[in-house]
Amino acid sequence: FWTGVVIEGNKELVNQIKDNEICWKYGLKVVSEWVRKDNINNIIEKNLLKDKVGLLSLDIDGNDFWILNEIENVKPIIVIVEWNSLFGFKKSVTTPYDDNFIREKKHFSGQYWGASIKAFYDLMKSRSYFLVGSNMAGNNLFFVRNDRKNDLIEKKPSEAFQKQIFKDSRDENGKLNFLDDREKLKVIENLDVFDLEEKKIIKVSEIIENER
């Protein structure tokens, strides 16, 4: 038997989630909260049995690294995080923190968000987790706590890296334009990302150069 908590920042989606069959069938709790660095631990304290969390899935299209970095009161067995494969596997980078980060409003293309695979790898390794791999779509990473390793094989960022297969970029009018990875990067190359190792702001174009 399992149960869970869904935290949703979009109030319009909360009722949709509650009406979903999986929600009422399994007694999922839906929390309507906009997640920020300064409230995530409090949300967890109020809504979760901390020692009973087996899986944590984080997918907020923007501040994912910064929020995960703040979570300190649960130690799930499995952690799933969404990552941006456009940022490659060599640099540990993320979009700068913004309390009100909304992917579609940050840049019309919808491609400027999240963090690289190495950013999550370094963070989770420091917390005694290892990387199992990515999904085939190239947008979710799977980490397992070290004490549950058993026969699982640890992967490095270069080994787990998977290019995203979806073409969800949009033009300035909000219409899908189906750009490939190279074209997506060209559109956002002058935007800022935070280099977590150098602790400074760099341009996306610098990532592109580093990946060559």
Protein backbone atom coordinates (compact mmCIF):
# COMPACT_ATOMS: atom_id res chain seq x y z
CA PHE A 1 0.00 0.00 0.00
CA TRP A 2 1.27 3.45 -0.87
CA THR A 3 0.07 7.01 -0.60
CA GLY A 4 1.50 10.37 -1.52
CA VAL A 5 1.40 14.14 -1.58
CA VAL A 6 1.26 16.30 -4.71
CA ILE A 7 2.41 19.91 -4.36
CA GLU A 8 1.09 22.09 -7.17
CA GLY A 9 1.80 25.80 -7.66
CA ASN A 10 -0.80 26.36 -10.35
CA LYS A 11 -4.12 26.79 -8.58
CA GLU A 12 -6.06 26.08 -11.76
CA LEU A 13 -4.52 22.62 -11.92
CA VAL A 14 -5.22 21.68 -8.31
CA ASN A 15 -8.87 20.75 -8.93
CA GLN A 16 -7.91 18.85 -12.08
CA ILE A 17 -5.49 16.77 -10.04
CA LYS A 18 -8.11 16.15 -7.35
CA ASP A 19 -10.58 14.96 -9.99
CA ASN A 20 -8.06 12.52 -11.46
CA GLU A 21 -8.84 8.88 -10.80
CA ILE A 22 -5.42 8.08 -9.38
CA CYS A 23 -5.89 10.85 -6.82
CA TRP A 24 -9.20 9.78 -5.30
CA LYS A 25 -8.49 6.07 -5.69
CA TYR A 26 -5.31 6.21 -3.64
CA GLY A 27 -6.13 9.04 -1.29
CA LEU A 28 -3.44 11.38 -2.56
CA LYS A 29 -3.18 14.66 -0.73
CA VAL A 30 -3.01 17.74 -2.96
CA VAL A 31 -1.31 20.83 -1.57
CA SER A 32 -1.82 24.16 -3.32
CA GLU A 33 1.46 26.01 -2.73
CA TRP A 34 3.97 27.94 -4.83
CA VAL A 35 7.26 26.31 -3.87
CA ARG A 36 10.17 28.59 -2.97
CA LYS A 37 13.50 28.16 -1.24
CA ASP A 38 12.15 29.71 1.93
CA ASN A 39 9.03 27.55 2.23
CA ILE A 40 9.84 24.07 0.89
CA ASN A 41 10.98 22.63 4.21
CA ASN A 42 7.94 24.05 5.96
CA ILE A 43 5.63 22.51 3.34
CA ILE A 44 7.31 19.15 3.92
CA GLU A 45 7.01 19.50 7.70
CA LYS A 46 3.28 20.20 7.47
CA ASN A 47 2.31 17.59 4.92
CA LEU A 48 4.66 14.60 5.01
CA LEU A 49 5.63 11.88 7.44
CA LYS A 50 9.33 12.56 7.02
CA ASP A 51 10.60 9.09 7.86
CA LYS A 52 8.09 7.49 5.47
CA VAL A 53 9.14 9.20 2.24
CA GLY A 54 10.33 6.53 -0.17
CA LEU A 55 10.32 8.58 -3.37
CA LEU A 56 10.66 12.29 -4.07
CA SER A 57 9.93 13.58 -7.58
CA LEU A 58 10.80 17.20 -8.37
CA ASP A 59 9.54 18.79 -11.58
CA ILE A 60 8.94 22.53 -11.45
CA ASP A 61 10.46 23.71 -14.75
CA GLY A 62 12.91 26.24 -13.38
CA ASN A 63 14.18 26.38 -9.81
CA ASP A 64 14.58 22.60 -9.51
CA PHE A 65 18.23 22.66 -8.42
CA TRP A 66 17.74 25.46 -5.90
CA ILE A 67 14.72 23.80 -4.30
CA LEU A 68 16.40 20.39 -4.09
CA ASN A 69 19.42 22.07 -2.54
CA GLU A 70 17.20 23.47 0.22
CA ILE A 71 15.45 20.23 1.14
CA GLU A 72 17.05 19.02 4.35
CA ASN A 73 14.34 17.32 6.37
CA VAL A 74 13.70 14.16 4.31
CA LYS A 75 16.00 11.43 3.01
CA PRO A 76 14.03 9.50 0.37
CA ILE A 77 15.29 6.20 -1.01
CA ILE A 78 14.75 7.38 -4.60
CA VAL A 79 14.94 10.93 -5.95
CA ILE A 80 13.73 11.83 -9.44
CA VAL A 81 14.57 15.26 -10.82
CA GLU A 82 13.87 16.97 -14.11
CA TRP A 83 17.00 18.26 -15.87
CA ASN A 84 17.78 20.29 -18.98
CA SER A 85 19.97 18.30 -21.35
CA LEU A 86 20.61 21.40 -23.49
CA PHE A 87 23.16 22.36 -20.82
CA GLY A 88 25.31 19.33 -21.64
CA PHE A 89 27.15 17.05 -19.20
CA LYS A 90 30.46 18.81 -18.54
CA LYS A 91 29.39 21.97 -16.72
CA SER A 92 27.59 22.22 -13.38
CA VAL A 93 25.12 25.01 -14.19
CA THR A 94 21.59 26.12 -13.45
CA THR A 95 19.35 29.03 -14.29
CA PRO A 96 19.70 31.71 -11.57
CA TYR A 97 17.18 31.51 -8.74
CA ASP A 98 13.98 33.50 -9.09
CA ASP A 99 11.10 33.19 -6.60
CA ASN A 100 8.62 33.63 -9.42
CA PHE A 101 10.29 31.57 -12.12
CA ILE A 102 7.81 30.58 -14.83
CA ARG A 103 9.39 28.80 -17.76
CA GLU A 104 7.15 30.26 -20.45
CA LYS A 105 7.63 33.81 -19.16
CA LYS A 106 11.41 33.63 -18.71
CA HIS A 107 11.94 33.16 -22.42
CA PHE A 108 9.46 32.76 -25.25
CA SER A 109 11.18 29.59 -26.50
CA GLY A 110 10.46 27.68 -23.27
CA GLN A 111 14.01 26.25 -23.40
CA TYR A 112 15.59 28.39 -20.68
CA TRP A 113 15.03 26.54 -17.40
CA GLY A 114 16.49 24.10 -14.89
CA ALA A 115 19.96 22.67 -14.41
CA SER A 116 22.50 20.39 -16.04
CA ILE A 117 23.03 16.72 -15.26
CA LYS A 118 26.36 17.50 -13.55
CA ALA A 119 24.73 20.07 -11.27
CA PHE A 120 22.38 17.42 -9.89
CA TYR A 121 25.07 14.73 -9.88
CA ASP A 122 27.43 16.81 -7.73
CA LEU A 123 24.66 17.84 -5.32
CA MET A 124 23.29 14.33 -4.85
CA LYS A 125 26.73 12.76 -4.51
CA SER A 126 27.44 15.15 -1.63
CA ARG A 127 24.26 13.81 0.01
CA SER A 128 25.18 10.14 -0.34
CA TYR A 129 23.14 9.33 -3.44
CA PHE A 130 24.33 7.83 -6.70
CA LEU A 131 23.08 8.33 -10.25
CA VAL A 132 21.33 5.36 -11.84
CA GLY A 133 20.58 7.01 -15.16
CA SER A 134 18.20 9.09 -17.26
CA ASN A 135 14.96 8.19 -18.94
CA MET A 136 15.06 7.75 -22.72
CA ALA A 137 13.33 11.08 -23.29
CA GLY A 138 16.30 12.88 -21.72
CA ASN A 139 14.44 14.92 -19.12
CA ASN A 140 14.41 12.91 -15.87
CA LEU A 141 17.31 11.68 -13.71
CA PHE A 142 17.08 8.87 -11.17
CA PHE A 143 19.14 8.83 -7.97
CA VAL A 144 19.21 6.14 -5.27
CA ARG A 145 20.44 6.46 -1.70
CA ASN A 146 23.83 4.79 -1.19
CA ASP A 147 22.59 2.39 1.49
CA ARG A 148 20.15 0.87 -1.05
CA LYS A 149 22.67 0.35 -3.83
CA ASN A 150 22.72 -3.47 -3.85
CA ASP A 151 23.46 -4.56 -7.45
CA LEU A 152 22.63 -1.23 -9.07
CA ILE A 153 25.37 0.31 -11.21
CA GLU A 154 26.42 3.90 -10.63
CA LYS A 155 26.79 6.11 -13.69
CA LYS A 156 28.76 9.27 -14.32
CA PRO A 157 27.09 12.25 -16.03
CA SER A 158 28.77 11.44 -19.34
CA GLU A 159 27.48 7.85 -19.16
CA ALA A 160 23.91 8.73 -18.20
CA PHE A 161 23.57 11.72 -20.52
CA GLN A 162 20.68 11.44 -22.94
CA LYS A 163 19.70 14.16 -25.39
CA GLN A 164 16.10 15.25 -25.04
CA ILE A 165 13.96 13.79 -27.79
CA PHE A 166 11.10 16.27 -27.69
CA LYS A 167 10.86 19.36 -29.89
CA ASP A 168 8.75 21.65 -27.75
CA SER A 169 10.34 25.02 -28.56
CA ARG A 170 8.14 27.98 -29.47
CA ASP A 171 8.57 31.14 -31.50
CA GLU A 172 7.89 34.67 -30.27
CA ASN A 173 4.20 34.24 -31.08
CA GLY A 174 3.93 31.17 -28.87
CA LYS A 175 3.67 28.69 -31.73
CA LEU A 176 5.63 25.45 -31.79
CA ASN A 177 8.56 25.69 -34.19
CA PHE A 178 10.13 22.26 -33.59
CA LEU A 179 13.77 23.41 -33.32
CA ASP A 180 16.51 20.82 -32.85
CA ASP A 181 19.01 21.08 -29.96
CA ARG A 182 21.51 23.20 -31.88
CA GLU A 183 18.80 25.65 -32.91
CA LYS A 184 17.34 25.78 -29.40
CA LEU A 185 20.74 26.70 -27.95
CA LYS A 186 21.21 29.44 -30.54
CA VAL A 187 17.99 31.08 -29.40
CA ILE A 188 19.04 31.19 -25.71
CA GLU A 189 22.82 31.54 -26.10
CA ASN A 190 22.96 35.09 -24.67
CA LEU A 191 21.03 34.27 -21.50
CA ASP A 192 22.61 33.84 -18.05
CA VAL A 193 23.24 30.63 -16.14
CA PHE A 194 24.97 30.21 -12.80
CA ASP A 195 28.19 28.16 -12.79
CA LEU A 196 28.00 26.27 -9.49
CA GLU A 197 31.70 25.33 -9.46
CA GLU A 198 33.06 28.75 -10.34
CA LYS A 199 30.23 30.45 -8.42
CA LYS A 200 29.62 33.05 -11.08
CA ILE A 201 27.21 33.97 -13.84
CA ILE A 202 28.15 32.86 -17.35
CA LYS A 203 26.35 32.83 -20.69
CA VAL A 204 24.75 29.77 -22.24
CA SER A 205 27.16 30.31 -25.15
CA GLU A 206 30.04 29.44 -22.79
CA ILE A 207 28.45 26.06 -22.13
CA ILE A 208 28.24 25.45 -25.85
CA GLU A 209 31.95 26.18 -26.23
CA ASN A 210 32.84 23.90 -23.33
CA GLU A 211 30.86 20.98 -24.75
CA ARG A 212 32.71 20.98 -28.06
